[in-house]
Protein backbone atom coordinates (compact mmCIF):
# COMPACT_ATOMS: atom_id res chain seq x y z
CA MET A 1 94.19 145.10 18.54
CA GLY A 2 93.96 143.03 21.60
CA GLY A 3 91.27 140.64 22.56
CA PRO A 4 88.46 141.62 24.83
CA GLY A 5 90.00 139.97 27.79
CA ASP A 6 93.54 141.29 27.35
CA PRO A 7 94.77 144.60 28.65
CA PRO A 8 95.93 147.04 26.03
CA GLU A 9 99.57 146.62 27.08
CA GLY A 10 99.42 142.83 27.40
CA THR A 11 99.71 140.87 30.65
CA PRO A 12 101.16 143.06 33.43
CA GLU A 13 104.64 142.13 34.56
CA GLY A 14 104.56 140.03 37.70
CA ALA A 15 100.86 139.22 37.37
CA PRO A 16 99.72 135.70 38.45
CA GLY A 17 100.22 133.13 35.75
CA SER A 18 103.12 134.95 34.11
CA GLY A 19 106.16 132.85 32.93
CA GLU A 20 108.47 134.48 35.41
CA GLU A 21 106.22 133.51 38.30
CA GLU A 22 106.10 129.92 37.05
CA TYR A 23 109.92 129.44 37.08
CA ARG A 24 110.73 131.71 39.99
CA SER A 25 111.44 128.65 42.29
CA VAL A 26 114.06 127.26 39.89
CA VAL A 27 117.56 128.71 40.52
CA PHE A 28 120.28 127.99 37.98
CA ASP A 29 123.35 129.13 39.87
CA GLU A 30 126.90 128.67 38.58
CA SER A 31 127.62 125.45 40.52
CA PHE A 32 124.41 123.88 39.17
CA VAL A 33 125.37 124.67 35.59
CA ARG A 34 128.92 123.32 36.02
CA ALA A 35 127.60 120.11 37.54
CA ALA A 36 125.21 119.38 34.66
CA ARG A 37 125.89 116.09 32.87
CA ILE A 38 124.47 117.42 29.54
CA GLN A 39 125.87 120.58 27.89
CA GLU A 40 124.51 122.45 24.83
CA TYR A 41 126.90 123.05 21.92
CA SER A 42 127.67 126.54 20.84
CA ALA A 43 126.07 128.01 17.63
CA GLN A 44 129.33 127.56 15.72
CA GLU A 45 129.51 123.90 16.78
CA ARG A 46 125.87 123.29 15.74
CA MET A 47 126.53 124.54 12.20
CA THR A 48 128.50 121.35 11.54
CA ASP A 49 126.39 118.72 9.76
CA HIS A 50 124.96 115.88 11.78
CA THR A 51 126.16 117.35 14.99
CA PRO A 52 123.76 116.75 17.87
CA ALA A 53 122.57 119.78 19.74
CA VAL A 54 123.98 118.63 23.06
CA ARG A 55 126.91 116.56 24.36
CA ARG A 56 127.58 114.66 27.57
CA ARG A 57 130.21 116.02 29.99
CA PRO A 58 132.46 113.67 31.93
CA PRO A 59 131.31 113.29 35.55
CA LEU A 60 133.11 115.31 38.21
CA HIS A 61 135.30 113.23 40.55
CA ARG A 62 135.19 114.52 44.07
CA GLY A 63 137.53 112.95 46.69
CA LEU A 64 137.16 112.77 50.47
CA SER A 65 137.32 116.05 52.32
CA ARG A 66 140.49 116.78 54.28
CA GLN A 67 138.71 116.36 57.63
CA ALA A 68 137.32 112.94 56.64
CA LEU A 69 140.74 111.79 55.43
CA ILE A 70 142.41 112.87 58.69
CA LEU A 71 139.71 111.08 60.72
CA VAL A 72 140.23 107.84 58.77
CA LEU A 73 144.00 108.05 59.30
CA LEU A 74 143.62 108.65 63.05
CA ILE A 75 141.28 105.65 63.42
CA ALA A 76 143.73 103.45 61.51
CA VAL A 77 146.69 104.58 63.64
CA ALA A 78 144.78 104.03 66.92
CA PHE A 79 143.63 100.59 65.84
CA GLY A 80 147.15 99.58 64.80
CA THR A 81 148.62 100.88 68.07
CA ALA A 82 146.08 98.90 70.11
CA ILE A 83 146.94 95.70 68.26
CA TYR A 84 150.69 96.31 68.68
CA MET A 85 150.45 97.00 72.41
CA GLY A 86 148.24 93.97 72.92
CA VAL A 87 150.83 91.74 71.29
CA ARG A 88 154.01 93.34 72.58
CA SER A 89 153.14 94.55 76.09
CA PRO A 90 155.27 92.75 78.75
CA TYR A 91 152.67 93.40 81.46
CA GLN A 92 149.88 91.12 80.31
CA THR A 93 147.92 89.36 83.01
CA PRO A 94 148.26 85.59 82.76
CA VAL A 95 145.11 83.66 81.97
CA ALA A 96 145.37 81.40 85.04
CA LEU A 97 147.37 81.78 88.25
CA GLN A 98 148.82 78.91 90.24
CA PRO A 99 147.54 78.60 93.82
CA ALA A 100 149.98 79.48 96.58
CA GLU A 101 152.01 76.51 97.78
CA PRO A 102 152.13 75.64 101.51
CA LEU A 103 154.85 77.14 103.67
CA ARG A 104 157.79 74.86 104.43
CA MET A 105 159.40 75.81 107.74
CA THR A 106 162.35 74.84 109.92
CA VAL A 107 163.15 76.09 113.42
CA ILE A 108 166.62 75.17 114.69
CA PRO A 109 167.37 75.65 118.42
CA LEU A 110 170.95 76.66 119.26
CA SER A 111 172.13 75.35 122.60
CA PRO A 112 174.88 77.15 124.59
CA SER A 113 177.88 75.21 125.90
CA GLY A 114 177.85 76.91 129.31
CA LYS A 115 176.04 79.55 131.32
CA VAL A 116 174.32 82.32 129.40
CA PRO A 117 176.21 85.61 129.99
CA GLY A 118 174.28 88.56 131.33
CA THR A 119 174.44 91.99 132.94
CA ALA A 120 171.96 94.59 134.12
CA ASP A 121 172.87 96.99 131.27
CA PRO A 122 171.50 95.99 127.84
CA GLU A 123 173.67 98.60 126.10
CA TYR A 124 176.79 97.01 127.51
CA LEU A 125 175.74 93.60 126.20
CA TYR A 126 175.05 94.97 122.73
CA ALA A 127 178.34 96.87 122.63
CA HIS A 128 180.29 93.70 123.45
CA SER A 129 178.47 91.41 121.01
CA PRO A 130 178.51 90.92 117.23
CA ALA A 131 175.37 93.11 117.16
CA ALA A 132 177.30 96.24 118.19
CA GLN A 133 176.95 97.81 114.70
CA PHE A 134 173.44 96.58 113.98
CA ARG A 135 170.71 99.11 113.27
CA LEU A 136 167.61 99.68 115.39
CA GLY A 137 164.31 98.10 114.44
CA ALA A 138 163.00 98.58 110.89
CA GLU A 139 166.11 100.57 109.95
CA GLY A 140 167.90 97.24 109.84
CA VAL A 141 165.64 96.09 106.98
CA PRO A 142 166.63 98.48 104.16
CA LEU A 143 165.34 98.08 100.62
CA PRO A 144 167.88 97.30 97.89
CA ALA A 145 168.26 99.27 94.67
CA THR A 146 165.34 98.46 92.37
CA ARG A 147 164.86 98.08 88.63
CA ALA A 148 162.28 96.68 86.25
CA THR A 149 162.51 93.02 85.26
CA ALA A 150 161.57 91.45 81.95
CA HIS A 151 157.88 91.15 82.87
CA PHE A 152 157.44 93.43 85.92
CA SER A 153 157.72 97.20 86.20
CA GLU A 154 159.94 98.90 88.75
CA SER A 155 156.89 99.97 90.76
CA GLN A 156 155.78 96.33 90.99
CA VAL A 157 159.25 95.34 92.21
CA VAL A 158 159.09 98.06 94.87
CA THR A 159 155.66 96.80 95.94
CA ALA A 160 157.02 93.28 96.38
CA LEU A 161 160.00 94.48 98.42
CA THR A 162 157.98 96.79 100.67
CA THR A 163 155.39 94.06 101.31
CA ALA A 164 158.15 91.62 102.26
CA LYS A 165 159.68 94.25 104.54
CA ASP A 166 156.30 94.87 106.19
CA TYR A 167 155.97 91.15 106.86
CA ILE A 168 159.45 90.96 108.38
CA VAL A 169 158.87 93.98 110.61
CA ARG A 170 155.46 92.86 111.80
CA SER A 171 156.47 89.24 112.42
CA ALA A 172 159.74 89.96 114.25
CA LEU A 173 159.58 93.49 115.69
CA TYR A 174 155.99 94.22 116.76
CA PRO A 175 155.81 93.94 120.60
CA GLU A 176 152.24 92.59 120.53
CA VAL A 177 153.35 89.81 118.15
CA LEU A 178 156.52 88.99 120.11
CA THR A 179 154.52 88.54 123.31
CA GLY A 180 151.90 86.35 121.62
CA GLN A 181 149.04 88.82 122.08
CA GLN A 182 148.38 89.32 118.38
CA VAL A 183 148.80 87.42 115.10
CA ARG A 184 146.53 89.53 112.90
CA PRO A 185 149.21 92.08 111.87
CA VAL A 186 151.02 89.18 110.19
CA ARG A 187 147.97 87.27 108.94
CA VAL A 188 146.57 90.18 106.89
CA LEU A 189 149.71 90.24 104.74
CA LEU A 190 149.39 86.63 103.59
CA ASP A 191 147.93 85.35 100.33
CA PRO A 192 144.39 84.00 101.02
CA ASP A 193 145.46 80.53 99.84
CA GLN A 194 147.75 80.26 102.89
CA LEU A 195 145.32 81.41 105.57
CA ASP A 196 144.01 77.93 106.36
CA GLN A 197 147.55 76.68 107.00
CA PHE A 198 148.30 79.76 109.10
CA ASP A 199 145.17 79.35 111.24
CA GLN A 200 145.77 75.63 111.73
CA SER A 201 149.33 76.37 112.87
CA PHE A 202 148.04 78.44 115.77
CA ASP A 203 144.97 76.33 116.54
CA HIS A 204 146.91 73.05 116.49
CA PRO A 205 150.68 73.79 116.56
CA SER A 206 152.99 71.00 115.49
CA ALA A 207 156.68 70.52 114.76
CA ASP A 208 155.87 68.81 111.45
CA GLY A 209 157.53 71.40 109.24
CA ARG A 210 154.14 72.83 108.21
CA HIS A 211 152.31 74.03 111.32
CA ALA A 212 154.77 75.67 113.73
CA PRO A 213 153.72 79.20 114.75
CA THR A 214 157.41 80.12 115.10
CA GLY A 215 157.77 79.36 111.39
CA TRP A 216 155.41 82.24 110.61
CA LEU A 217 156.61 84.72 113.24
CA ILE A 218 158.78 85.17 116.31
CA ARG A 219 157.09 84.96 119.67
CA PHE A 220 158.16 84.25 123.23
CA ASP A 221 156.37 82.88 126.26
CA PRO A 222 155.21 86.07 128.05
CA ALA A 223 154.98 84.17 131.32
CA GLN A 224 158.70 83.52 131.12
CA VAL A 225 160.45 86.48 129.48
CA GLU A 226 159.94 90.15 128.62
CA LEU A 227 161.83 92.69 126.54
CA ALA A 228 164.43 94.57 128.57
CA ASP A 229 164.99 97.00 125.69
CA PRO A 230 162.34 97.64 122.99
CA ARG A 231 165.07 98.79 120.57
CA ILE A 232 165.73 95.48 118.84
CA ARG A 233 168.96 95.24 116.82
CA VAL A 234 168.62 94.07 113.22
CA GLN A 235 170.90 93.48 110.26
CA GLY A 236 170.27 91.76 106.94
CA THR A 237 169.49 91.95 103.25
CA LEU A 238 166.63 91.74 100.79
CA ALA A 239 166.97 90.57 97.18
CA PHE A 240 164.52 90.03 94.32
CA THR A 241 164.36 88.04 91.12
CA GLU A 242 161.80 87.14 88.46
CA SER A 243 161.22 83.40 88.64
CA ASP A 244 158.91 83.36 85.59
CA ALA A 245 156.73 85.69 83.54
CA SER A 246 154.02 85.79 86.22
CA THR A 247 155.99 85.55 89.49
CA LEU A 248 158.40 87.71 91.47
CA GLU A 249 160.45 86.23 94.32
CA VAL A 250 161.98 88.08 97.26
CA THR A 251 164.55 86.47 99.56
CA ALA A 252 165.29 87.85 103.00
CA ASP A 253 168.16 87.02 105.36
CA HIS A 254 168.14 88.94 108.67
CA THR A 255 169.51 88.53 112.16
CA PHE A 256 167.52 89.89 115.10
CA VAL A 257 168.98 90.39 118.58
CA TYR A 258 166.67 90.82 121.58
CA ALA A 259 167.57 91.92 125.11
CA LEU A 260 165.51 89.76 127.49
CA ARG A 261 164.99 89.38 131.24
CA PRO A 262 162.67 87.29 133.42
CA THR A 263 159.06 88.51 133.42
CA GLY A 264 158.34 90.84 136.32
CA SER A 265 161.95 90.86 137.57
CA GLY A 266 162.36 94.64 137.38
CA ALA A 267 164.92 96.92 135.79
CA LYS A 268 167.78 95.71 138.01
CA ALA A 269 167.56 92.10 136.90
CA GLU A 270 170.27 90.68 134.72
CA VAL A 271 169.67 90.90 130.99
CA SER A 272 170.78 88.42 128.33
CA LEU A 273 170.77 88.55 124.55
CA PHE A 274 168.72 86.24 122.38
CA THR A 275 169.58 85.92 118.69
CA VAL A 276 167.41 84.75 115.77
CA ARG A 277 168.74 84.43 112.28
CA ARG A 278 165.82 84.18 109.89
CA GLU A 279 165.81 83.31 106.20
CA LEU A 280 162.53 83.81 104.34
CA ARG A 281 161.50 83.38 100.72
CA PHE A 282 158.43 85.20 99.42
CA ARG A 283 156.56 84.76 96.17
CA PHE A 284 154.30 87.32 94.48
CA ASP A 285 151.91 86.90 91.57
CA ARG A 286 150.10 89.86 90.03
CA ASP A 287 147.10 89.57 92.37
CA ASP A 288 149.45 89.59 95.38
CA LEU A 289 151.10 92.77 94.09
CA ARG A 290 147.74 94.42 93.49
CA LEU A 291 146.49 93.52 96.98
CA ARG A 292 149.89 94.00 98.68
CA GLN A 293 149.92 90.44 100.00
CA ALA A 294 152.65 87.80 100.00
CA GLN A 295 153.09 84.07 99.69
CA LEU A 296 155.62 82.92 102.28
CA VAL A 297 156.97 79.66 100.82
CA VAL A 298 160.13 78.95 102.87
CA SER A 299 161.01 79.92 106.44
CA THR A 300 164.18 78.86 108.27
CA ALA A 301 165.10 80.16 111.72
CA GLN A 302 168.14 79.53 113.91
CA ALA A 303 167.53 80.74 117.45
CA GLY A 304 169.46 80.68 120.68
CA PRO A 305 170.33 80.27 123.43
CA LEU A 306 167.72 77.49 123.65
CA SER A 307 167.61 73.99 125.02
CA CYS A 308 167.23 71.42 122.28
CA SER A 309 164.80 69.49 124.47
CA ASP A 310 162.35 72.40 124.67
CA ASP A 311 159.46 72.64 122.22
CA SER A 312 160.25 75.59 119.96
CA ALA A 313 157.38 75.06 117.52
CA ASN A 314 154.69 76.99 119.40
CA ARG A 315 156.75 79.53 121.38
CA LEU A 316 160.42 80.20 121.93
CA HIS A 317 161.68 79.58 125.47
CA PRO A 318 165.01 81.45 125.70
CA LEU A 319 167.64 80.55 128.26
CA LEU A 320 168.24 83.66 130.35
CA ALA A 321 171.32 85.05 132.12
CA GLY A 322 173.04 82.42 134.26
CA GLN A 323 171.04 79.48 132.91
CA THR A 324 172.46 76.44 131.14
CA ALA A 325 171.02 74.15 128.51
CA LYS A 326 169.45 70.83 129.44
CA SER A 327 171.11 69.14 126.49
CA GLY A 328 173.57 70.04 123.78
CA GLY A 329 173.56 69.75 120.03
CA PRO A 330 175.57 68.06 117.29
CA ALA A 331 177.62 71.03 116.06
CA GLY A 332 178.53 74.65 116.73
CA THR A 333 176.35 77.04 114.68
CA ASP A 334 176.88 80.78 114.49
CA PRO A 335 173.69 82.64 113.47
CA TYR A 336 175.78 85.69 112.55
CA ALA A 337 177.64 83.75 109.86
CA THR A 338 176.30 83.22 106.36
CA GLY A 339 175.52 79.81 104.93
CA ASP A 340 172.68 77.34 104.87
CA ALA A 341 171.17 76.00 108.07
CA VAL A 342 171.37 72.22 108.06
CA ALA A 343 171.00 70.97 111.65
CA LEU A 344 167.73 70.35 113.49
CA CYS A 345 169.46 71.34 116.70
CA GLY A 346 172.83 72.98 117.05
CA ALA A 347 175.28 74.26 119.60
CA LEU A 348 175.45 78.03 119.94
CA ALA A 349 179.01 79.06 119.06
CA PRO A 350 180.82 81.07 121.79
CA SER A 351 181.55 83.77 119.20
CA ALA A 352 177.81 84.53 119.06
CA GLN A 353 177.64 85.37 122.77
CA PRO A 354 178.48 88.80 124.26
CA LYS A 355 181.80 89.18 126.09
CA VAL A 356 181.09 90.06 129.72
């Protein structure tokens, strides 16, 4: 018989304080049981004398998940690739760059042996001169076939060549430069380290091999001559080489032929040809390539017909049709022929003049 406080059937199922309510928050699912470090022996195993009721299970060894393993491998590969490229890349920027060296320049007047030939038709003069097969303007400054060098990519080589070509075109073919009206189109292409020398050359021109304006560009005295034909004839070559791991060099050798007549003389005046053979050497470091600027380090020009006694450092003073030189030179020099220029003043070879 139950106590006075107990229901006849005992404590109702689910009533507060029952055992089931007390352990309802504890869930012994299958994974929990398998993960337990202590395991109870079976009844058969416990019948053995001195056998403890429980035994320890070896701990479960769980490795990295597949996603974590893949992530670790990717990080290792990326880190190794970065180290390899940092060591092996041929396009590393040098720690320190050498400043641009000053331009060394030479202007060699070529003096004719007699009167300068001329005619009223520029086309006739060109057709009867060594410039008959020359191209017109910038077409005469073609780019060579390009390739990558040991330390410079092909695109960097192309940048060096196109910058050198721009300098050649602007300094020898722009009408405003030829007439002395402008120098900026040339100046903006120079490495900043050379700008002081450039400016001093035009502010205080001198035939000292460092500060002659005609070493930087070609320009005539507009009070004396004018272009009779704006289609200037040009022929020459460009070549490139890697001088060291941080420097590209471009060499240029071109001959320019101008048809000139006296300023203000009119279309019927006699025209003569004036020839300039120009050899330039450019240097490019990686900053120059990035900024599309050049270091002009050597400039040699042979120009004629000129009088050796005239000052050719500031402006060129061509001898025009029918004129003769005031003085001659030590040797005959043909600006159309290849070879190094060696004379400070030369005689213009008859083969360089048109046949009229």
